[in-house]
Amino acid sequence: TDSVLIESRPVPVADPQGVYRSGADRWADPSIVAAASALRHLRDDPLINIELGTQARLAAERFAEMSRSALRSAVHRCAGNQREAQTRATPRVRHISA
């Protein structure tokens, strides 16, 4: 794993900007006691820090590669669509022999 999960409880979203409008949206309100306990555990066990850091780096690298791959695919699709649109827009000229 590349993270430490912290116990939380769902609470209504407090959103003064109005981005969340359904009224049914919830935040995860983390337990301060659980978070403090997890931090103490991380502080006291350097091997866990190394393992979490390694796994987090690997996860970030995988995410970055997926993002690059998705971006390349989107660019290729867009370029293909643009070429197709240009082909349709170009009038075709037929030469008729006399």
Protein backbone atom coordinates (compact mmCIF):
# COMPACT_ATOMS: atom_id res chain seq x y z
CA THR A 1 0.00 0.00 0.00
CA ASP A 2 1.11 3.58 -0.57
CA SER A 3 -0.93 5.32 2.10
CA VAL A 4 -2.27 5.12 5.62
CA LEU A 5 -6.03 5.14 5.89
CA ILE A 6 -7.45 7.21 8.72
CA GLU A 7 -10.77 6.48 10.36
CA SER A 8 -13.35 9.09 9.41
CA ARG A 9 -17.04 9.82 9.49
CA PRO A 10 -19.19 11.31 6.74
CA VAL A 11 -20.38 14.86 7.37
CA PRO A 12 -22.40 17.22 5.19
CA VAL A 13 -20.32 19.30 2.80
CA ALA A 14 -19.71 22.85 3.98
CA ASP A 15 -19.21 24.57 0.63
CA PRO A 16 -19.63 28.36 0.64
CA GLN A 17 -18.56 28.51 -3.04
CA GLY A 18 -21.56 26.39 -4.06
CA VAL A 19 -19.64 23.82 -6.11
CA TYR A 20 -21.49 20.96 -4.43
CA ARG A 21 -25.17 21.67 -4.89
CA SER A 22 -27.07 18.46 -4.28
CA GLY A 23 -27.28 18.86 -0.53
CA ALA A 24 -26.62 15.14 -0.22
CA ASP A 25 -22.84 15.43 -0.71
CA ARG A 26 -20.62 14.37 2.18
CA TRP A 27 -17.00 14.96 3.22
CA ALA A 28 -14.90 12.46 5.13
CA ASP A 29 -14.16 14.08 8.50
CA PRO A 30 -11.00 12.35 9.78
CA SER A 31 -10.53 11.32 13.39
CA ILE A 32 -7.83 13.54 14.92
CA VAL A 33 -7.01 10.79 17.44
CA ALA A 34 -6.58 8.19 14.68
CA ALA A 35 -4.50 10.58 12.55
CA ALA A 36 -2.22 11.42 15.50
CA SER A 37 -1.79 7.72 16.27
CA ALA A 38 -0.89 6.97 12.64
CA LEU A 39 1.67 9.81 12.61
CA ARG A 40 3.27 8.51 15.80
CA HIS A 41 3.46 5.02 14.27
CA LEU A 42 5.10 6.43 11.13
CA ARG A 43 7.56 8.42 13.22
CA ASP A 44 8.50 5.38 15.29
CA ASP A 45 8.95 2.90 12.41
CA PRO A 46 11.37 4.10 9.70
CA LEU A 47 10.88 0.90 7.67
CA ILE A 48 7.21 1.73 7.17
CA ASN A 49 8.25 5.20 5.95
CA ILE A 50 10.59 3.64 3.40
CA GLU A 51 7.98 1.15 2.20
CA LEU A 52 5.19 3.75 1.99
CA GLY A 53 7.49 6.18 0.19
CA THR A 54 8.58 3.53 -2.31
CA GLN A 55 5.01 2.42 -3.00
CA ALA A 56 3.82 6.04 -3.31
CA ARG A 57 6.59 6.79 -5.83
CA LEU A 58 5.69 3.72 -7.88
CA ALA A 59 2.00 4.65 -7.81
CA ALA A 60 2.83 8.21 -8.93
CA GLU A 61 4.99 6.87 -11.77
CA ARG A 62 2.19 4.52 -12.91
CA PHE A 63 -0.31 7.38 -12.78
CA ALA A 64 2.02 9.66 -14.74
CA GLU A 65 2.53 7.00 -17.42
CA MET A 66 -1.23 6.38 -17.69
CA SER A 67 -1.77 10.14 -17.98
CA ARG A 68 0.89 10.45 -20.71
CA SER A 69 -0.63 7.50 -22.55
CA ALA A 70 -4.15 8.94 -22.32
CA LEU A 71 -2.91 12.32 -23.52
CA ARG A 72 -1.10 10.74 -26.48
CA SER A 73 -4.27 8.84 -27.43
CA ALA A 74 -6.39 11.98 -27.18
CA VAL A 75 -3.96 13.95 -29.34
CA HIS A 76 -3.90 11.20 -31.97
CA ARG A 77 -7.71 10.98 -32.00
CA CYS A 78 -7.98 14.75 -32.30
CA ALA A 79 -5.42 14.86 -35.11
CA GLY A 80 -7.23 12.02 -36.90
CA ASN A 81 -10.58 13.79 -36.55
CA GLN A 82 -9.03 17.01 -37.85
CA ARG A 83 -7.56 15.25 -40.90
CA GLU A 84 -10.91 13.57 -41.56
CA ALA A 85 -12.75 16.91 -41.35
CA GLN A 86 -10.25 18.52 -43.72
CA THR A 87 -10.66 15.65 -46.17
CA ARG A 88 -14.45 16.04 -46.13
CA ALA A 89 -14.16 19.82 -46.56
CA THR A 90 -11.80 19.61 -49.53
CA PRO A 91 -13.73 19.62 -52.80
CA ARG A 92 -12.97 16.72 -55.04
CA VAL A 93 -12.15 17.59 -58.62
CA ARG A 94 -12.73 15.08 -61.37
CA HIS A 95 -11.00 15.47 -64.66
CA ILE A 96 -13.08 14.42 -67.62
CA SER A 97 -11.29 13.46 -70.78
CA ALA A 98 -12.75 14.67 -74.02
